[in-house]
Amino acid sequence: MYNNLIIFLSELRKSLRILGLSLIFVTVAIFFLSSGLISVFQDHLREKLYFFSVAGPFLAHVKVAFFGAIYLLMPLLMYVLWKALGKPFGVTGKKLFWFVFATCLLFYGGTLFCYLVTLPFGVKFLLGFQSENMKAVISIGRFVNFVTIFILAFGVIFELPVFMIFSAQVGVISRKTFEKNRRFAVLGIAILAALLTPTPDAVNMALMGVPLYLLYEAGILVIRMLGIEHKKSSPEKENNQEGEPGS
């Protein structure tokens, strides 16, 4: 396990420079379009945004540009991650392609679900508490933080089935383990939904929790369909592998 970690970190380090330069370049390019992106985020708010420092608007545009860069470069980010993660476990070629493709597909699906379904409900619920004596004065910086982190979080957690399949593929967690621990999965999903949703009400928690549980079940189903079983090295095989270098 320690050797696998070393291989993973070594492979990841090789791509950090090109990844960092790509993020900087795309962030600068999107910066000039950031006003339009803020307007897109603001569609669900329908309130004016305010700033309370001289650098407030500029920093908000930088954050939105960086978010846009991460969003656009997700295929590259996932390729770098899976290439490094798959190196010590022999995940290459077609397997690597499908892991990258599935991860990106679920990420973009999760972000769109958040923007189109969960985010409008959350914003509407939160702003529903204002009255004649309480009016919203929303900081552009905090609003941008709220929206971007929330959308990215949805994208990441929607990738759950892919990492379940990978865990079964490399022999870390078996399908039977996922099946036997459904109740713990439900508890974990409920806690995660309570932490990540903008409001603690049951409706918004369900908007995250239900899709996430369905993705958990989908992960188990795909593992079964692919016929992936938990693999353990036999003692003879391990002894042979240990003896090979010295022979």
Foldseek 3Di string as FASTA:
>chain_A
DVVLVVQLVVLLVVCVVVVVVQLVVQLVVCLVVLVVVLVLLCVLQPDDADADDPCQVVVLSSLSSSLVSCLVCLLVVLLSNLVSNCVVQVQDDPSSVVLSVLLNVQLVVQLVLCSPPLVSVLSCVVQVPADPVGDDHHHSNVSSVLSSVLSNVSSNLSSVLSVLLVCLQSQNDFLVNLVVCLVVVLVVLLVVLCVRRNDNDPVSSCSRSVSSSVSSVVSSVVNVVVVRGRDDDDPVRVVVVVCVVVD
